[in-house]
Each structure stands twice: as C-alpha cells, then as structure tokens.
Protein backbone atom coordinates (compact mmCIF):
# COMPACT_ATOMS: atom_id res chain seq x y z
CA UNK A 1 21.96 149.46 -17.50
CA UNK A 2 23.41 146.31 -18.69
CA UNK A 3 22.81 142.50 -17.79
CA UNK A 4 25.25 141.24 -15.14
CA UNK A 5 26.04 138.12 -17.05
CA UNK A 6 28.40 140.32 -18.79
CA UNK A 7 31.68 139.18 -19.13
CA UNK A 8 32.77 136.79 -17.14
CA UNK A 9 35.48 135.06 -15.74
CA UNK A 10 36.08 131.77 -15.65
CA UNK A 11 38.59 130.77 -12.79
CA UNK A 12 39.91 127.09 -12.55
CA UNK A 13 41.66 124.60 -15.61
CA UNK A 14 40.09 124.81 -18.98
CA UNK A 15 39.92 121.23 -20.34
CA UNK A 16 39.48 119.79 -23.51
CA UNK A 17 37.13 116.50 -24.87
CA UNK A 18 40.08 113.57 -24.92
CA UNK A 19 41.01 112.95 -28.48
CA UNK A 20 42.25 109.91 -30.99
CA UNK A 21 40.39 107.55 -28.90
CA UNK A 22 40.03 104.32 -30.00
CA UNK A 23 36.18 103.03 -31.55
CA UNK A 24 34.46 100.23 -31.01
CA UNK A 25 36.01 98.10 -33.81
CA UNK A 26 39.39 99.35 -32.99
CA UNK A 27 38.99 97.77 -28.68
CA UNK A 28 37.64 94.52 -30.48
CA UNK A 29 40.22 93.56 -32.55
CA UNK A 30 43.12 94.72 -30.33
CA UNK A 31 41.18 91.68 -28.56
CA UNK A 32 41.56 89.94 -30.84
CA UNK A 33 45.50 89.79 -31.27
CA UNK A 34 45.67 90.42 -27.37
CA UNK A 35 48.24 87.45 -27.20
CA UNK A 36 46.98 84.63 -23.60
CA UNK A 37 50.44 83.70 -22.98
CA UNK A 38 49.99 82.28 -19.57
CA UNK A 39 47.55 82.36 -16.84
CA UNK A 40 48.72 86.36 -15.63
CA UNK A 41 47.86 87.37 -19.23
CA UNK A 42 44.72 85.98 -19.44
CA UNK A 43 44.20 88.03 -15.77
CA UNK A 44 44.55 90.62 -17.55
CA UNK A 45 42.95 90.62 -20.69
CA UNK A 46 39.75 89.74 -18.07
CA UNK A 47 40.07 93.06 -15.67
CA UNK A 48 41.18 94.74 -18.86
CA UNK A 49 38.26 93.78 -20.58
CA UNK A 50 35.72 94.77 -17.07
CA UNK A 51 37.41 97.54 -17.32
CA UNK A 52 37.07 99.19 -20.61
CA UNK A 53 33.26 97.71 -21.41
CA UNK A 54 32.24 98.21 -18.18
CA UNK A 55 34.12 101.10 -17.23
CA UNK A 56 35.23 99.66 -13.25
CA UNK A 57 37.18 101.38 -11.15
CA UNK A 58 40.47 100.70 -9.50
CA UNK A 59 39.07 100.47 -6.31
CA UNK A 60 35.89 98.47 -7.39
CA UNK A 61 37.79 95.47 -9.07
CA UNK A 62 39.70 95.65 -5.57
CA UNK A 63 35.90 94.16 -3.98
CA UNK A 64 35.32 92.00 -6.54
CA UNK A 65 34.40 88.50 -5.82
CA UNK A 66 33.69 85.58 -7.99
CA UNK A 67 30.37 86.25 -9.31
CA UNK A 68 26.93 83.64 -8.05
CA UNK A 69 25.39 85.53 -11.48
CA UNK A 70 27.38 84.80 -14.17
CA UNK A 71 25.62 82.38 -15.49
CA UNK A 72 23.00 84.79 -15.79
CA UNK A 73 25.10 86.63 -17.59
CA UNK A 74 25.79 89.94 -14.55
CA UNK A 75 28.44 91.02 -12.50
CA UNK A 76 27.62 92.90 -9.22
CA UNK A 77 29.53 95.36 -8.27
CA UNK A 78 29.59 96.50 -4.24
CA UNK A 79 29.15 99.11 -2.56
CA UNK A 80 32.57 101.32 -2.48
CA UNK A 81 33.54 104.98 -0.58
CA UNK A 82 32.83 106.52 -4.51
CA UNK A 83 29.74 104.52 -6.21
CA UNK A 84 27.02 102.01 -5.50
CA UNK A 85 26.61 98.59 -5.02
CA UNK A 86 25.50 97.64 -9.07
CA UNK A 87 25.06 94.85 -11.71
CA UNK A 88 26.23 94.92 -15.01
CA UNK A 89 25.44 93.20 -18.33
CA UNK A 90 28.59 90.97 -18.86
CA UNK A 91 29.20 90.65 -22.48
CA UNK A 92 29.16 87.03 -23.89
CA UNK A 93 33.15 86.25 -23.92
CA UNK A 94 33.10 87.93 -20.79
CA UNK A 95 31.23 84.65 -19.01
CA UNK A 96 33.41 82.53 -20.62
CA UNK A 97 36.82 83.73 -19.82
CA UNK A 98 35.72 84.67 -15.69
CA UNK A 99 34.11 81.40 -15.91
CA UNK A 100 37.40 79.87 -17.36
CA UNK A 101 39.70 82.12 -14.81
CA UNK A 102 38.03 81.24 -11.81
CA UNK A 103 37.62 77.05 -12.31
CA UNK A 104 40.95 76.29 -13.78
CA UNK A 105 43.04 79.15 -12.54
CA UNK A 106 41.40 79.66 -9.51
CA UNK A 107 41.19 76.68 -8.48
CA UNK A 108 44.12 75.67 -9.17
CA UNK A 109 45.56 78.35 -6.50
CA UNK A 110 43.65 77.15 -4.14
CA UNK A 111 45.00 73.57 -4.26
CA UNK A 112 48.35 74.45 -4.16
CA UNK A 113 48.28 76.31 -1.63
CA UNK A 114 46.28 73.47 0.32
CA UNK A 115 49.43 71.48 -0.58
CA UNK A 116 51.84 73.38 1.27
CA UNK A 117 50.47 73.03 4.65
CA UNK A 118 49.75 69.01 4.54
C-alpha cells in the first residue's frame, strides 16, 4: 500500500511571485522626483502614497473622509464590503501633504461652490 498523496494533480492556474518590483529606496526616490505642478498632481501624489504605503484599495479610497486623527498621525479606514474598520499610522510627510490638501485645496473648492450659489 502506497501513500495516499502520491502523485496529486493540482488544478487551477500556476502563479509565480512577481519580480522586478521597486525597493523602498526606489519608491522614496520616485516620490521625491514626482513633480507637483498643480492641485491635481498634488492630489494624485497623495493618493499614490496611500495606495503604496498603507496598501489601500480603490474601494477604501472612495470611502475615505477627512481624518479627525490627522494630528495624531493616524487615519481611520472605514469598513467596506471586503475589509474591516482599521486605523493606520501615517508617515510624517503624509501628514503634511494631507493637511495641505484638506486645508488649501478642499477649502478653495468649497469656496468656489458656495460663490456660484450667491
């Protein structure tokens, strides 16, 4: 009598480990070189950093609201259909970027919207 697991046939796709990924230093260097030309590129850089450093999904980005814990260096990610509520630490440069984005860009946008209705 042989072993029951002799010669198993696995079904499905064979997946390989991704290669050629950027290291931490290369990612940091990328963000240093990322040119901020206007409000849109500033927003895009903030979003890219959240995607890479906090591993947020697009669904989580859509539910994100201005964080009340920003001064503490934390951001709360609301519960979605695929993830639970969680609080993540932010890096110091992310705190500054988010504060600038919230205070300057979002407030200017709000002023523009209110001035249209006056």
